[in-house]
Protein backbone atom coordinates (compact mmCIF):
# COMPACT_ATOMS: atom_id res chain seq x y z
CA MET A 1 169.27 155.32 85.29
CA SER A 2 168.48 155.90 81.61
CA LEU A 3 164.91 155.97 80.29
CA GLN A 4 165.50 152.84 78.22
CA VAL A 5 166.71 150.95 81.31
CA GLN A 6 163.58 152.10 83.18
CA ILE A 7 161.41 150.83 80.33
CA THR A 8 163.17 147.45 80.43
CA LEU A 9 162.79 147.10 84.20
CA ARG A 10 159.13 148.11 84.07
CA THR A 11 158.48 145.56 81.30
CA ARG A 12 160.00 142.80 83.42
CA MET A 13 158.01 143.82 86.50
CA LEU A 14 154.79 143.74 84.48
CA GLY A 15 155.70 140.25 83.32
CA VAL A 16 156.06 139.01 86.90
CA LEU A 17 152.70 140.56 87.88
CA LEU A 18 150.93 139.13 84.81
CA ARG A 19 152.24 135.62 85.44
CA ASP A 20 151.20 135.84 89.10
CA ALA A 21 147.71 137.05 88.10
CA ARG A 22 147.26 134.28 85.53
CA ILE A 23 148.33 131.56 87.96
CA ALA A 24 146.09 132.96 90.73
CA ALA A 25 143.16 132.94 88.28
CA ARG A 26 144.00 129.33 87.33
CA LYS A 27 144.21 130.19 83.66
CA THR A 28 146.37 128.44 81.10
CA PHE A 29 147.91 129.79 77.90
CA PRO A 30 145.26 127.97 75.81
CA ASP A 31 142.56 129.64 77.95
CA LEU A 32 143.89 133.11 77.07
CA ASN A 33 144.16 132.15 73.43
CA LYS A 34 140.57 130.90 73.33
CA ASP A 35 138.93 133.64 75.44
CA LEU A 36 140.98 136.70 74.51
CA GLY A 37 142.62 135.81 71.22
CA ILE A 38 146.11 136.22 72.71
CA SER A 39 148.63 133.73 71.35
CA THR A 40 150.74 131.61 73.69
CA ALA A 41 153.90 133.13 72.21
CA LEU A 42 152.68 136.67 72.93
CA ILE A 43 151.55 136.07 76.51
CA LYS A 44 154.82 134.25 77.23
CA SER A 45 156.77 137.22 75.88
CA TYR A 46 154.78 139.44 78.28
CA GLU A 47 155.30 137.17 81.28
CA GLU A 48 159.00 136.76 80.57
CA GLY A 49 159.43 140.53 80.36
CA ARG A 50 160.56 140.53 76.73
CA LYS A 51 157.61 142.63 75.57
CA SER A 52 155.15 144.94 77.29
CA PRO A 53 151.37 144.78 76.80
CA SER A 54 149.51 147.89 75.73
CA LEU A 55 147.07 149.61 78.10
CA PRO A 56 143.96 148.16 76.37
CA GLU A 57 145.48 144.68 76.62
CA LEU A 58 146.27 145.26 80.30
CA GLU A 59 142.71 146.53 80.92
CA VAL A 60 141.24 143.39 79.34
CA LEU A 61 143.63 141.13 81.26
CA ALA A 62 142.68 142.88 84.52
CA TYR A 63 139.01 142.39 83.63
CA TYR A 64 139.63 138.75 82.68
CA PHE A 65 141.52 138.03 85.90
CA LYS A 66 138.94 140.01 87.94
CA LEU A 67 141.53 142.45 89.21
CA PRO A 68 141.59 146.21 89.79
CA ILE A 69 143.99 147.59 87.21
CA ARG A 70 145.99 149.32 89.95
CA HIS A 71 147.30 145.85 90.85
CA PHE A 72 149.75 146.18 87.97
CA TRP A 73 151.30 149.20 89.67
CA SER A 74 151.83 147.26 92.89
CA SER A 75 154.25 144.57 94.00
CA GLU A 76 151.78 142.34 95.82
CA ALA A 77 151.15 138.68 95.05
CA LEU A 78 147.54 137.62 94.62
CA SER A 79 145.20 135.38 96.54
CA ASP A 80 143.07 132.91 94.59
CA ASN A 81 140.43 134.52 92.37
CA SER A 82 137.74 133.22 90.05
CA PRO A 83 137.44 134.97 86.69
CA LEU A 84 134.36 136.97 85.78
CA ILE A 85 133.63 137.29 82.08
CA GLU A 86 130.72 139.00 80.42
CA PRO A 87 129.72 137.95 76.88
CA ILE A 88 131.64 140.64 75.01
CA ASN A 89 134.05 140.43 72.09
CA LEU A 90 137.29 141.12 73.95
CA PRO A 91 139.68 141.00 70.95
CA GLN A 92 137.45 143.49 69.12
CA LEU A 93 137.37 145.70 72.21
CA VAL A 94 141.18 145.70 72.40
CA ASN A 95 141.45 146.83 68.76
CA LEU A 96 138.96 149.64 69.34
CA ARG A 97 140.73 150.80 72.49
CA GLN A 98 144.11 150.79 70.72
CA ARG A 99 142.77 153.28 68.16
CA MET A 100 141.14 155.43 70.85
CA ILE A 101 144.37 155.62 72.86
CA GLY A 102 146.38 156.48 69.74
CA THR A 103 143.99 159.33 68.95
CA LEU A 104 144.11 160.63 72.52
CA LEU A 105 147.89 160.39 72.59
CA ARG A 106 148.18 162.45 69.40
CA HIS A 107 145.74 165.03 70.77
CA LYS A 108 147.64 165.43 74.05
CA ARG A 109 150.99 165.59 72.26
CA GLN A 110 149.73 168.31 69.94
CA GLN A 111 148.33 170.24 72.89
CA THR A 112 151.82 170.41 74.41
CA GLU A 113 153.24 171.46 71.02
CA ILE A 114 155.74 168.60 70.99
CA SER A 115 156.51 167.17 67.56
CA VAL A 116 156.83 163.46 66.86
CA LYS A 117 160.50 164.13 66.12
CA GLU A 118 161.02 165.76 69.53
CA LEU A 119 159.15 162.96 71.29
CA SER A 120 161.26 160.38 69.47
CA SER A 121 164.45 162.20 70.50
CA GLN A 122 163.45 162.29 74.17
CA THR A 123 162.18 158.70 74.44
CA GLY A 124 164.40 156.84 71.98
CA ILE A 125 161.27 155.46 70.28
CA PRO A 126 161.54 155.70 66.45
CA GLN A 127 159.29 158.25 64.75
CA THR A 128 157.75 155.61 62.50
CA ARG A 129 156.70 153.61 65.56
CA LEU A 130 155.26 156.68 67.29
CA ASN A 131 153.26 157.51 64.17
CA ALA A 132 151.92 153.96 64.04
CA TYR A 133 150.91 154.21 67.72
CA GLU A 134 149.03 157.47 67.17
CA LEU A 135 147.22 156.09 64.13
CA GLY A 136 146.17 153.01 66.09
CA GLU A 137 148.03 150.77 63.66
CA ASN A 138 150.20 149.23 66.39
CA PRO A 139 149.44 148.74 70.10
CA ILE A 140 151.49 150.94 72.43
CA PRO A 141 153.49 148.87 74.95
CA ILE A 142 152.52 150.19 78.34
CA SER A 143 156.15 150.66 79.39
CA GLU A 144 156.65 152.96 76.38
CA LEU A 145 153.37 154.77 77.07
CA GLU A 146 154.55 155.41 80.63
CA ALA A 147 157.81 156.82 79.28
CA ILE A 148 155.88 159.20 76.99
CA LEU A 149 153.42 160.49 79.59
CA PRO A 150 155.75 162.73 81.68
CA ILE A 151 156.98 164.37 78.50
CA ILE A 152 153.46 165.38 77.43
CA GLY A 153 152.44 166.15 81.02
CA GLN A 154 149.79 163.44 81.40
CA LYS A 155 149.00 160.57 83.74
CA ILE A 156 148.07 157.00 82.83
CA GLU A 157 144.57 157.36 84.28
CA ILE A 158 143.36 159.59 81.43
CA PHE A 159 143.92 156.68 79.04
CA TYR A 160 141.82 154.19 81.05
CA ASP A 161 138.63 152.90 79.49
CA GLN A 162 135.86 155.17 80.78
CA ASN A 163 132.57 154.14 79.20
CA GLY A 164 133.11 150.66 77.77
CA PRO A 165 132.27 147.37 79.57
CA VAL A 166 135.76 147.11 81.04
CA GLY A 167 135.65 150.77 82.13
CA ARG A 168 132.31 150.27 83.86
CA TRP A 169 133.65 147.20 85.64
CA MET A 170 136.81 149.08 86.71
CA ARG A 171 134.67 151.94 88.05
CA SER A 172 132.52 149.47 90.00
CA GLU A 173 135.66 147.90 91.47
CA SER A 174 136.92 151.33 92.55
CA TYR A 175 133.60 152.06 94.29
CA VAL A 176 133.87 148.80 96.22
CA GLN A 177 137.41 149.64 97.27
CA LYS A 178 136.41 153.14 98.38
CA PHE A 179 133.61 151.65 100.49
CA LEU A 180 136.07 149.20 102.09
CA ASP A 181 138.40 152.10 102.88
CA LEU A 182 135.69 153.88 104.91
CA PRO A 183 135.71 153.64 108.73
CA SER A 184 133.65 150.71 110.00
CA ASP A 185 131.02 152.97 111.58
CA LEU A 186 130.36 154.68 108.23
CA GLN A 187 130.16 151.30 106.49
CA ALA A 188 127.56 150.21 109.05
CA PHE A 189 125.58 153.44 108.57
CA ILE A 190 125.51 153.01 104.79
CA CYS A 191 124.37 149.39 105.04
CA LEU A 192 121.36 150.11 107.29
CA PRO A 193 118.21 150.15 105.08
CA GLY A 194 116.64 152.94 107.13
CA ASN A 195 119.51 155.26 106.27
CA GLN A 196 119.04 155.07 102.51
CA VAL A 197 116.84 158.19 102.58
CA TYR A 198 119.71 160.20 104.12
CA LEU A 199 122.17 158.87 101.55
CA GLU A 200 119.80 159.78 98.72
CA LEU A 201 119.38 163.27 100.17
CA ALA A 202 123.16 163.64 100.37
CA ARG A 203 123.47 162.51 96.75
CA GLN A 204 120.90 165.05 95.59
CA LEU A 205 122.55 167.83 97.56
CA SER A 206 125.94 166.96 96.06
CA GLU A 207 124.48 167.59 92.59
CA LEU A 208 123.10 171.05 93.44
CA PRO A 209 124.98 174.24 92.57
CA ILE A 210 126.58 175.89 95.61
CA GLU A 211 124.12 178.80 95.38
CA LYS A 212 121.13 176.49 95.84
CA ILE A 213 122.82 174.70 98.73
CA ASN A 214 123.32 178.05 100.43
CA THR A 215 119.63 178.87 99.89
CA VAL A 216 118.58 175.53 101.43
CA ALA A 217 120.90 176.09 104.40
CA GLN A 218 119.51 179.59 104.94
CA SER A 219 115.93 178.30 104.80
CA LEU A 220 116.72 175.60 107.38
CA HIS A 221 118.37 178.20 109.61
CA GLU A 222 115.29 180.42 109.44
CA LEU A 223 113.03 177.45 110.18
CA VAL A 224 115.05 176.56 113.28
CA ASN A 225 114.83 180.18 114.50
CA LEU A 226 111.04 180.22 114.09
CA GLN A 227 110.71 177.10 116.23
CA LYS A 228 112.69 178.58 119.13
């Protein structure tokens, strides 16, 4: 299967997942236009698999639909969800993230010593378009970004929002999921108020250098021997 065929199939799959997420969130095209500044024509082109959203657009849509972004790498339909929106300027955030991703993409490409010409040859994406992506002038369709990543030896996660409002929300969602993945007995231990002191101690120990942890362990060992 050629890379261009893979890009086309991925774009169509994203469209199916986006439509499912929008319907589950009970959002209409006018809602997305009003809240996110996305035109009906554009969101329809995404849902119909004719165009692919960029990563910042996908991050904001995941945030808007109250979804972990990993949902868009799955094939699962959604249960009903209610959207959670904080008072932030989402269109402005998308524009900022587009520029940040373009800068990071250029940096990673240069690190691997791959020229724009070489990248264009391997992906089939015109050089002018790649240049516009790196300068943040045009959003990078996520299906094209995914095609670029193996060539420059990177994974999609490094492009996720890390410190912005969407990034903080995504991180919070991941913490919730990690808690839910724990065995039930550990979940119960964490939830008991009396155990918070042990959890805090574990947190503090996790931040210590290994040398200090060894010193603490040695001191505890000596204390136990003195009490025998």
